[in-house]
Structure formats: C-alpha cells, structure tokens
Protein backbone atom coordinates (compact mmCIF):
# COMPACT_ATOMS: atom_id res chain seq x y z
CA MET A 1 -12.88 7.31 3.23
CA ASP A 2 -13.06 4.72 0.27
CA LYS A 3 -10.83 1.97 -1.16
CA ASN A 4 -10.67 4.16 -4.22
CA ASN A 5 -8.90 6.85 -1.87
CA ILE A 6 -6.59 4.35 -0.19
CA PHE A 7 -5.56 3.09 -3.56
CA SER A 8 -4.65 6.61 -4.55
CA ILE A 9 -2.90 7.41 -1.38
CA LEU A 10 -1.29 3.94 -1.57
CA LYS A 11 -0.06 4.80 -5.10
CA SER A 12 1.31 8.12 -4.52
CA ILE A 13 3.46 6.46 -1.66
CA ILE A 14 4.76 3.84 -3.99
CA VAL A 15 5.95 6.57 -6.20
CA GLN A 16 7.81 8.60 -3.57
CA ILE A 17 9.35 5.62 -2.46
CA LEU A 18 9.98 4.08 -5.79
CA PRO A 19 10.24 7.11 -8.10
CA GLU A 20 11.16 4.83 -11.44
CA ILE A 21 7.64 3.49 -11.45
CA ASP A 22 4.82 5.50 -13.21
CA ILE A 23 1.69 5.72 -11.07
CA GLU A 24 -0.62 5.25 -14.09
CA GLN A 25 0.63 1.62 -14.28
CA ILE A 26 0.20 0.37 -10.38
CA THR A 27 -2.96 -1.81 -10.62
CA LEU A 28 -4.79 -3.49 -7.68
CA GLU A 29 -3.62 -6.91 -8.83
CA ASP A 30 -0.04 -5.98 -8.91
CA SER A 31 2.20 -7.06 -5.73
CA LEU A 32 4.65 -4.59 -4.21
CA LYS A 33 7.38 -7.16 -4.79
CA GLU A 34 6.31 -7.47 -8.90
CA ILE A 35 6.53 -3.59 -9.17
CA GLY A 36 10.38 -3.67 -8.03
CA ALA A 37 9.66 -3.11 -3.95
CA ASN A 38 12.47 -4.48 -2.08
CA SER A 39 11.38 -5.82 1.30
CA ILE A 40 12.56 -2.69 3.10
CA ASP A 41 10.55 -0.78 0.37
CA ARG A 42 7.53 -2.58 1.06
CA MET A 43 7.69 -1.65 4.92
CA ASP A 44 8.29 1.87 4.42
CA ILE A 45 5.33 1.93 1.90
CA ILE A 46 3.11 0.20 4.09
CA ILE A 47 4.02 2.32 7.40
CA GLU A 48 3.90 5.56 5.64
CA THR A 49 0.32 4.63 4.13
CA MET A 50 -0.82 3.73 7.63
CA GLU A 51 0.59 7.00 9.07
CA GLN A 52 -1.48 8.80 6.25
CA LEU A 53 -4.62 7.30 7.09
CA GLY A 54 -4.19 7.27 10.74
CA VAL A 55 -4.45 3.23 10.81
CA LYS A 56 -2.69 0.89 13.38
CA ILE A 57 -2.40 -2.50 11.92
CA PRO A 58 0.58 -4.78 13.09
CA LEU A 59 2.92 -5.65 9.84
CA VAL A 60 2.87 -9.12 10.42
CA GLU A 61 -0.76 -9.26 8.99
CA PHE A 62 0.23 -7.33 5.69
CA GLY A 63 2.88 -10.31 5.04
CA GLN A 64 0.55 -12.88 3.44
CA LEU A 65 -1.35 -10.73 1.34
CA LYS A 66 -1.09 -11.26 -2.65
CA ASN A 67 -1.48 -7.87 -4.05
CA ILE A 68 -2.00 -4.37 -3.56
CA GLU A 69 -6.13 -5.12 -3.50
CA GLY A 70 -5.16 -7.07 -0.36
CA ILE A 71 -3.09 -4.09 1.25
CA VAL A 72 -5.88 -2.01 0.41
CA ASP A 73 -8.65 -3.98 1.80
CA LEU A 74 -6.73 -4.68 5.00
CA LEU A 75 -6.14 -0.71 5.63
CA TYR A 76 -9.85 -0.35 4.87
CA SER A 77 -10.57 -2.64 7.30
CA GLY A 78 -8.59 -0.75 9.62
CA LYS A 79 -9.96 2.43 8.97
CA VAL A 80 -12.40 4.05 11.68
CA SER A 81 -14.00 6.69 9.73
C-alpha cells in the first residue's frame, strides 16, 4: 500500500463522516480542522482509517500533525505491508 492509496482511503472516510465536504477539494496541505472536522470527527476519521488499513498507532501521535499529509505519512510508517 502506498501513500496515494492511504490518502484515497482517508479522503473517502472524511466524506463519510463529513458529507458536506467535496472529496475533490481535499488536499494533503489541508488540516482536518480547516475542512470543518471537530475534535470528535477527527478522532473518528483517524480510528476508522486505522481500522481499514489494519494499523494501530496511539492517537496521541496524531495530535501534533499539521495537515493531512502528516496523517498519511504517520499511517504509512505504521503500515506493515
């Protein structure tokens, strides 16, 4: 699984949780907060993405990330295959 696949999965989960967001407008430079995700939404997005990828990373590690690219990078680093 490469970073583009992880980004695609993450985007699809974002629009499931935030249906008002246009999937085509989500970029790696955006933060989840900037696109309208509150703290519970952000947690749900991260947890659901980790479940789909089969990755377990402590949620605290996501707290300091600045944008979606940081999330993708962290998820990629935790990916076994």
